[in-house]
């Protein structure tokens, strides 16, 4: 298995290097990342649980390690994390179901369909 703590530290270093090469890109990302804090309609733990679910659906290992760290620091329990991941699993299954319907629609619309 991956050493998530080492990976997170290495990733932060690489992102820092990227930020030196493209500071406005990193600045824009940080602005987007901090937008929820500005409105504060959701608490930090809820935002991190959503972040974990999205990290799974987008298959982003870097997002996983960063949001696990933050979620735990904001008091998320293993059970809360598992529930958020259950939402991600359901959404991925739902998306596959919706796109399966789209495939069947494309098959029905194809001239070679019988």
C-alpha atoms as a PDB file:
ATOM      1  CA  UNK A   1       0.000   0.000   0.000  1.00  0.00           C
ATOM      2  CA  UNK A   2       0.954   3.591  -0.489  1.00  0.00           C
ATOM      3  CA  UNK A   3       2.603   5.541   2.335  1.00  0.00           C
ATOM      4  CA  UNK A   4      -0.056   8.272   2.290  1.00  0.00           C
ATOM      5  CA  UNK A   5       1.745  10.584   4.708  1.00  0.00           C
ATOM      6  CA  UNK A   6       4.972  10.500   2.709  1.00  0.00           C
ATOM      7  CA  UNK A   7       3.021  10.912  -0.513  1.00  0.00           C
ATOM      8  CA  UNK A   8       1.159  13.957   0.877  1.00  0.00           C
ATOM      9  CA  UNK A   9       4.444  15.593   1.890  1.00  0.00           C
ATOM     10  CA  UNK A  10       6.056  14.884  -1.489  1.00  0.00           C
ATOM     11  CA  UNK A  11       2.976  16.184  -3.271  1.00  0.00           C
ATOM     12  CA  UNK A  12       3.026  19.436  -1.318  1.00  0.00           C
ATOM     13  CA  UNK A  13       6.658  19.895  -2.319  1.00  0.00           C
ATOM     14  CA  UNK A  14       5.905  19.280  -6.000  1.00  0.00           C
ATOM     15  CA  UNK A  15       2.932  21.625  -5.917  1.00  0.00           C
ATOM     16  CA  UNK A  16       5.161  24.247  -4.317  1.00  0.00           C
ATOM     17  CA  UNK A  17       7.626  23.826  -7.187  1.00  0.00           C
ATOM     18  CA  UNK A  18       4.790  24.154  -9.694  1.00  0.00           C
ATOM     19  CA  UNK A  19       3.581  27.271  -7.871  1.00  0.00           C
ATOM     20  CA  UNK A  20       6.963  28.904  -8.381  1.00  0.00           C
ATOM     21  CA  UNK A  21       6.736  28.216 -12.109  1.00  0.00           C
ATOM     22  CA  UNK A  22       3.085  29.233 -12.449  1.00  0.00           C
ATOM     23  CA  UNK A  23       2.122  31.349  -9.445  1.00  0.00           C
ATOM     24  CA  UNK A  24      -1.139  32.663 -10.883  1.00  0.00           C
ATOM     25  CA  UNK A  25      -2.393  29.129 -11.530  1.00  0.00           C
ATOM     26  CA  UNK A  26      -1.701  28.137  -7.944  1.00  0.00           C
ATOM     27  CA  UNK A  27      -3.229  31.400  -6.705  1.00  0.00           C
ATOM     28  CA  UNK A  28      -6.396  30.674  -8.709  1.00  0.00           C
ATOM     29  CA  UNK A  29      -6.596  27.157  -7.297  1.00  0.00           C
ATOM     30  CA  UNK A  30      -6.197  28.449  -3.739  1.00  0.00           C
ATOM     31  CA  UNK A  31      -8.946  31.003  -4.355  1.00  0.00           C
ATOM     32  CA  UNK A  32     -11.302  28.252  -5.535  1.00  0.00           C
ATOM     33  CA  UNK A  33     -10.328  25.985  -2.657  1.00  0.00           C
ATOM     34  CA  UNK A  34     -11.011  28.695  -0.095  1.00  0.00           C
ATOM     35  CA  UNK A  35     -14.358  29.837  -1.483  1.00  0.00           C
ATOM     36  CA  UNK A  36     -16.409  27.621   0.838  1.00  0.00           C
ATOM     37  CA  UNK A  37     -14.700  29.027   3.889  1.00  0.00           C
ATOM     38  CA  UNK A  38     -15.792  32.495   2.835  1.00  0.00           C
ATOM     39  CA  UNK A  39     -19.507  31.654   2.789  1.00  0.00           C
ATOM     40  CA  UNK A  40     -19.229  29.176   5.658  1.00  0.00           C
ATOM     41  CA  UNK A  41     -22.638  27.584   5.002  1.00  0.00           C
ATOM     42  CA  UNK A  42     -21.093  24.161   5.613  1.00  0.00           C
ATOM     43  CA  UNK A  43     -18.715  23.404   8.425  1.00  0.00           C
ATOM     44  CA  UNK A  44     -15.148  22.386   7.652  1.00  0.00           C
ATOM     45  CA  UNK A  45     -15.753  18.706   8.431  1.00  0.00           C
ATOM     46  CA  UNK A  46     -18.688  18.544   5.994  1.00  0.00           C
ATOM     47  CA  UNK A  47     -16.634  20.229   3.270  1.00  0.00           C
ATOM     48  CA  UNK A  48     -13.841  17.697   3.789  1.00  0.00           C
ATOM     49  CA  UNK A  49     -16.250  14.738   3.677  1.00  0.00           C
ATOM     50  CA  UNK A  50     -17.611  16.073   0.382  1.00  0.00           C
ATOM     51  CA  UNK A  51     -14.016  16.508  -0.764  1.00  0.00           C
ATOM     52  CA  UNK A  52     -13.323  12.844  -0.025  1.00  0.00           C
ATOM     53  CA  UNK A  53     -16.383  11.680  -1.945  1.00  0.00           C
ATOM     54  CA  UNK A  54     -15.403  13.825  -4.913  1.00  0.00           C
ATOM     55  CA  UNK A  55     -11.783  12.631  -4.666  1.00  0.00           C
ATOM     56  CA  UNK A  56     -13.011   9.064  -5.058  1.00  0.00           C
ATOM     57  CA  UNK A  57     -15.298   9.870  -8.000  1.00  0.00           C
ATOM     58  CA  UNK A  58     -12.509  11.767  -9.786  1.00  0.00           C
ATOM     59  CA  UNK A  59      -9.873   9.150  -8.846  1.00  0.00           C
ATOM     60  CA  UNK A  60      -7.466  11.705  -7.379  1.00  0.00           C
ATOM     61  CA  UNK A  61      -4.920  10.149  -4.988  1.00  0.00           C
ATOM     62  CA  UNK A  62      -3.517  13.548  -4.101  1.00  0.00           C
ATOM     63  CA  UNK A  63      -6.991  14.776  -3.214  1.00  0.00           C
ATOM     64  CA  UNK A  64      -7.553  11.673  -1.081  1.00  0.00           C
ATOM     65  CA  UNK A  65      -4.454  12.173   1.051  1.00  0.00           C
ATOM     66  CA  UNK A  66      -5.013  15.912   1.519  1.00  0.00           C
ATOM     67  CA  UNK A  67      -8.713  15.575   2.377  1.00  0.00           C
ATOM     68  CA  UNK A  68      -8.202  12.558   4.685  1.00  0.00           C
ATOM     69  CA  UNK A  69      -5.700  14.618   6.657  1.00  0.00           C
ATOM     70  CA  UNK A  70      -8.047  17.615   6.819  1.00  0.00           C
ATOM     71  CA  UNK A  71     -11.185  15.561   7.558  1.00  0.00           C
ATOM     72  CA  UNK A  72      -9.519  13.815  10.488  1.00  0.00           C
ATOM     73  CA  UNK A  73      -8.144  17.119  11.792  1.00  0.00           C
ATOM     74  CA  UNK A  74     -11.692  18.523  11.673  1.00  0.00           C
ATOM     75  CA  UNK A  75     -13.014  15.609  13.722  1.00  0.00           C
ATOM     76  CA  UNK A  76     -14.443  13.293  11.080  1.00  0.00           C
ATOM     77  CA  UNK A  77     -14.856   9.735  12.316  1.00  0.00           C
ATOM     78  CA  UNK A  78     -14.105   6.591  10.321  1.00  0.00           C
ATOM     79  CA  UNK A  79     -17.857   5.972  10.212  1.00  0.00           C
ATOM     80  CA  UNK A  80     -18.560   9.439   8.770  1.00  0.00           C
ATOM     81  CA  UNK A  81     -15.836   8.961   6.182  1.00  0.00           C
ATOM     82  CA  UNK A  82     -17.267   5.554   5.245  1.00  0.00           C
ATOM     83  CA  UNK A  83     -20.739   7.082   4.853  1.00  0.00           C
ATOM     84  CA  UNK A  84     -19.384   9.831   2.595  1.00  0.00           C
ATOM     85  CA  UNK A  85     -17.599   7.177   0.528  1.00  0.00           C
ATOM     86  CA  UNK A  86     -20.878   5.259   0.292  1.00  0.00           C
ATOM     87  CA  UNK A  87     -22.367   8.316  -1.404  1.00  0.00           C
ATOM     88  CA  UNK A  88     -19.442   8.337  -3.853  1.00  0.00           C
ATOM     89  CA  UNK A  89     -19.968   4.642  -4.633  1.00  0.00           C
ATOM     90  CA  UNK A  90     -23.689   5.208  -5.205  1.00  0.00           C
ATOM     91  CA  UNK A  91     -23.023   8.184  -7.472  1.00  0.00           C
ATOM     92  CA  UNK A  92     -20.529   6.243  -9.545  1.00  0.00           C
ATOM     93  CA  UNK A  93     -23.028   3.404  -9.895  1.00  0.00           C
ATOM     94  CA  UNK A  94     -25.768   5.910 -10.724  1.00  0.00           C
ATOM     95  CA  UNK A  95     -23.607   7.592 -13.333  1.00  0.00           C
ATOM     96  CA  UNK A  96     -22.854   4.214 -14.920  1.00  0.00           C
ATOM     97  CA  UNK A  97     -26.580   3.463 -14.975  1.00  0.00           C
ATOM     98  CA  UNK A  98     -27.414   6.819 -16.590  1.00  0.00           C
ATOM     99  CA  UNK A  99     -24.694   6.383 -19.224  1.00  0.00           C
ATOM    100  CA  UNK A 100     -25.865   2.821 -19.830  1.00  0.00           C
ATOM    101  CA  UNK A 101     -29.265   4.293 -20.708  1.00  0.00           C
ATOM    102  CA  UNK A 102     -27.507   6.733 -23.064  1.00  0.00           C
ATOM    103  CA  UNK A 103     -25.704   3.839 -24.771  1.00  0.00           C
ATOM    104  CA  UNK A 104     -29.001   2.019 -25.269  1.00  0.00           C
ATOM    105  CA  UNK A 105     -30.483   5.229 -26.700  1.00  0.00           C
ATOM    106  CA  UNK A 106     -27.548   5.491 -29.133  1.00  0.00           C
ATOM    107  CA  UNK A 107     -28.023   1.838 -30.098  1.00  0.00           C
ATOM    108  CA  UNK A 108     -31.733   2.424 -30.735  1.00  0.00           C
ATOM    109  CA  UNK A 109     -30.967   5.477 -32.864  1.00  0.00           C
ATOM    110  CA  UNK A 110     -28.310   3.714 -34.961  1.00  0.00           C
ATOM    111  CA  UNK A 111     -29.411   2.673 -38.486  1.00  0.00           C
ATOM    112  CA  UNK A 112     -28.010  -0.832 -37.976  1.00  0.00           C
ATOM    113  CA  UNK A 113     -30.063  -1.372 -34.805  1.00  0.00           C
ATOM    114  CA  UNK A 114     -32.696  -4.077 -35.021  1.00  0.00           C
END
